[in-house]
Amino acid sequence: MNKEFAELKNKSSKELEAELMVAREDQFTLRIKHKTGQLNETSQLGEVKKKIARIKTLINANKLKDEK
């Protein structure tokens, strides 16, 4: 299991929502840098995208757990 995923798993729903907002801001910044040619490591785009997906997965899992 990814260390980052394990750390995210221990956070509450509010903390995950805040983390999601930060990750989306990072993604927006990286996309702008990529379009203007200022981004040297384009792999960062994929990493942020995966981080967003992990966070959204955990948020959804928490919602499903709370419903039961």
N, C-alpha and C. Protein backbone atom coordinates (compact mmCIF):
# COMPACT_ATOMS: atom_id res chain seq x y z
N MET A 1 0.84 -1.17 0.00
CA MET A 1 0.00 0.00 0.00
C MET A 1 0.89 1.25 0.00
N ASN A 2 0.47 2.24 -0.73
CA ASN A 2 1.19 3.49 -0.83
C ASN A 2 1.21 4.20 0.53
N LYS A 3 2.37 4.76 0.91
CA LYS A 3 2.47 5.47 2.18
C LYS A 3 1.49 6.64 2.24
N GLU A 4 1.41 7.35 1.14
CA GLU A 4 0.52 8.51 1.08
C GLU A 4 -0.94 8.08 1.26
N PHE A 5 -1.32 6.96 0.67
CA PHE A 5 -2.68 6.46 0.80
C PHE A 5 -2.96 6.06 2.24
N ALA A 6 -1.99 5.45 2.89
CA ALA A 6 -2.15 5.06 4.29
C ALA A 6 -2.34 6.28 5.18
N GLU A 7 -1.61 7.35 4.89
CA GLU A 7 -1.75 8.58 5.67
C GLU A 7 -3.12 9.21 5.42
N LEU A 8 -3.59 9.19 4.18
CA LEU A 8 -4.89 9.75 3.86
C LEU A 8 -6.02 8.96 4.52
N LYS A 9 -5.81 7.66 4.66
CA LYS A 9 -6.83 6.79 5.22
C LYS A 9 -7.15 7.14 6.67
N ASN A 10 -6.18 7.72 7.37
CA ASN A 10 -6.35 8.06 8.78
C ASN A 10 -7.03 9.41 8.99
N LYS A 11 -7.28 10.15 7.92
CA LYS A 11 -7.85 11.49 8.06
C LYS A 11 -9.38 11.43 8.07
N SER A 12 -9.96 12.46 8.67
CA SER A 12 -11.42 12.56 8.73
C SER A 12 -11.96 13.10 7.40
N SER A 13 -13.27 13.10 7.27
CA SER A 13 -13.90 13.55 6.03
C SER A 13 -13.59 15.02 5.75
N LYS A 14 -13.62 15.84 6.79
CA LYS A 14 -13.33 17.27 6.60
C LYS A 14 -11.89 17.49 6.16
N GLU A 15 -10.99 16.73 6.75
CA GLU A 15 -9.58 16.84 6.37
C GLU A 15 -9.38 16.38 4.93
N LEU A 16 -10.10 15.34 4.53
CA LEU A 16 -10.00 14.85 3.15
C LEU A 16 -10.54 15.89 2.17
N GLU A 17 -11.64 16.55 2.54
CA GLU A 17 -12.19 17.60 1.68
C GLU A 17 -11.19 18.74 1.50
N ALA A 18 -10.52 19.12 2.60
CA ALA A 18 -9.51 20.17 2.53
C ALA A 18 -8.34 19.73 1.67
N GLU A 19 -7.93 18.49 1.83
CA GLU A 19 -6.82 17.93 1.04
C GLU A 19 -7.18 17.90 -0.44
N LEU A 20 -8.44 17.61 -0.73
CA LEU A 20 -8.92 17.58 -2.11
C LEU A 20 -8.84 18.96 -2.74
N MET A 21 -9.23 19.97 -2.00
CA MET A 21 -9.18 21.35 -2.51
C MET A 21 -7.74 21.75 -2.82
N VAL A 22 -6.82 21.39 -1.94
CA VAL A 22 -5.40 21.72 -2.15
C VAL A 22 -4.88 20.99 -3.39
N ALA A 23 -5.24 19.73 -3.53
CA ALA A 23 -4.78 18.94 -4.68
C ALA A 23 -5.33 19.50 -5.99
N ARG A 24 -6.59 19.94 -5.98
CA ARG A 24 -7.16 20.53 -7.19
C ARG A 24 -6.50 21.85 -7.54
N GLU A 25 -6.15 22.64 -6.53
CA GLU A 25 -5.42 23.89 -6.79
C GLU A 25 -4.05 23.58 -7.39
N ASP A 26 -3.39 22.55 -6.85
CA ASP A 26 -2.09 22.14 -7.40
C ASP A 26 -2.24 21.70 -8.85
N GLN A 27 -3.30 20.93 -9.12
CA GLN A 27 -3.54 20.46 -10.48
C GLN A 27 -3.75 21.64 -11.44
N PHE A 28 -4.53 22.61 -11.00
CA PHE A 28 -4.78 23.78 -11.84
C PHE A 28 -3.48 24.53 -12.13
N THR A 29 -2.68 24.73 -11.09
CA THR A 29 -1.39 25.42 -11.26
C THR A 29 -0.48 24.67 -12.22
N LEU A 30 -0.43 23.35 -12.07
CA LEU A 30 0.43 22.56 -12.95
C LEU A 30 -0.07 22.59 -14.39
N ARG A 31 -1.38 22.58 -14.58
CA ARG A 31 -1.92 22.63 -15.94
C ARG A 31 -1.59 23.96 -16.61
N ILE A 32 -1.67 25.05 -15.86
CA ILE A 32 -1.33 26.36 -16.40
C ILE A 32 0.16 26.41 -16.76
N LYS A 33 1.00 25.91 -15.87
CA LYS A 33 2.44 25.88 -16.14
C LYS A 33 2.74 25.03 -17.37
N HIS A 34 2.03 23.91 -17.52
CA HIS A 34 2.25 23.03 -18.66
C HIS A 34 1.88 23.74 -19.97
N LYS A 35 0.75 24.44 -19.96
CA LYS A 35 0.31 25.14 -21.17
C LYS A 35 1.25 26.27 -21.56
N THR A 36 1.85 26.92 -20.56
CA THR A 36 2.76 28.03 -20.85
C THR A 36 4.20 27.57 -21.06
N GLY A 37 4.45 26.27 -20.93
CA GLY A 37 5.78 25.74 -21.18
C GLY A 37 6.73 25.89 -20.01
N GLN A 38 6.23 26.16 -18.82
CA GLN A 38 7.09 26.35 -17.65
C GLN A 38 7.27 25.08 -16.84
N LEU A 39 6.52 24.02 -17.17
CA LEU A 39 6.57 22.78 -16.39
C LEU A 39 7.60 21.84 -17.01
N ASN A 40 8.63 21.52 -16.24
CA ASN A 40 9.68 20.63 -16.73
C ASN A 40 9.35 19.17 -16.51
N GLU A 41 8.74 18.87 -15.37
CA GLU A 41 8.41 17.48 -15.03
C GLU A 41 6.91 17.26 -15.23
N THR A 42 6.55 16.80 -16.41
CA THR A 42 5.14 16.60 -16.70
C THR A 42 4.54 15.42 -15.95
N SER A 43 5.37 14.60 -15.35
CA SER A 43 4.87 13.47 -14.57
C SER A 43 4.12 13.94 -13.33
N GLN A 44 4.36 15.17 -12.91
CA GLN A 44 3.66 15.73 -11.76
C GLN A 44 2.16 15.81 -12.02
N LEU A 45 1.78 16.02 -13.27
CA LEU A 45 0.36 16.08 -13.61
C LEU A 45 -0.33 14.76 -13.30
N GLY A 46 0.29 13.67 -13.67
CA GLY A 46 -0.28 12.35 -13.40
C GLY A 46 -0.31 12.03 -11.92
N GLU A 47 0.72 12.45 -11.20
CA GLU A 47 0.78 12.19 -9.76
C GLU A 47 -0.35 12.91 -9.03
N VAL A 48 -0.60 14.15 -9.40
CA VAL A 48 -1.66 14.91 -8.76
C VAL A 48 -3.02 14.32 -9.12
N LYS A 49 -3.16 13.88 -10.36
CA LYS A 49 -4.42 13.27 -10.78
C LYS A 49 -4.70 12.01 -9.97
N LYS A 50 -3.67 11.20 -9.74
CA LYS A 50 -3.83 9.98 -8.95
C LYS A 50 -4.14 10.31 -7.50
N LYS A 51 -3.52 11.37 -6.98
CA LYS A 51 -3.78 11.77 -5.60
C LYS A 51 -5.24 12.19 -5.44
N ILE A 52 -5.76 12.93 -6.41
CA ILE A 52 -7.16 13.35 -6.38
C ILE A 52 -8.07 12.13 -6.40
N ALA A 53 -7.74 11.16 -7.23
CA ALA A 53 -8.55 9.94 -7.32
C ALA A 53 -8.53 9.18 -6.00
N ARG A 54 -7.38 9.10 -5.35
CA ARG A 54 -7.28 8.41 -4.06
C ARG A 54 -8.14 9.10 -3.00
N ILE A 55 -8.06 10.43 -2.98
CA ILE A 55 -8.83 11.19 -2.00
C ILE A 55 -10.33 11.00 -2.23
N LYS A 56 -10.74 11.08 -3.49
CA LYS A 56 -12.16 10.93 -3.80
C LYS A 56 -12.65 9.52 -3.46
N THR A 57 -11.80 8.53 -3.65
CA THR A 57 -12.14 7.15 -3.31
C THR A 57 -12.38 7.02 -1.81
N LEU A 58 -11.49 7.62 -1.02
CA LEU A 58 -11.64 7.55 0.44
C LEU A 58 -12.87 8.32 0.92
N ILE A 59 -13.15 9.46 0.30
CA ILE A 59 -14.34 10.23 0.67
C ILE A 59 -15.59 9.40 0.40
N ASN A 60 -15.63 8.76 -0.76
CA ASN A 60 -16.79 7.94 -1.12
C ASN A 60 -16.91 6.73 -0.19
N ALA A 61 -15.79 6.13 0.16
CA ALA A 61 -15.82 4.98 1.07
C ALA A 61 -16.33 5.40 2.45
N ASN A 62 -15.93 6.57 2.90
CA ASN A 62 -16.40 7.07 4.19
C ASN A 62 -17.91 7.33 4.16
N LYS A 63 -18.40 7.87 3.05
CA LYS A 63 -19.83 8.13 2.92
C LYS A 63 -20.61 6.82 2.94
N LEU A 64 -20.11 5.82 2.24
CA LEU A 64 -20.78 4.53 2.22
C LEU A 64 -20.77 3.86 3.59
N LYS A 65 -19.66 4.02 4.31
CA LYS A 65 -19.54 3.45 5.64
C LYS A 65 -20.53 4.13 6.60
N ASP A 66 -20.70 5.44 6.46
CA ASP A 66 -21.61 6.18 7.33
C ASP A 66 -23.07 5.84 7.06
N GLU A 67 -23.38 5.47 5.84
CA GLU A 67 -24.77 5.14 5.48
C GLU A 67 -25.21 3.83 6.12
N LYS A 68 -24.29 2.94 6.36
CA LYS A 68 -24.65 1.61 6.91
C LYS A 68 -24.85 1.65 8.37
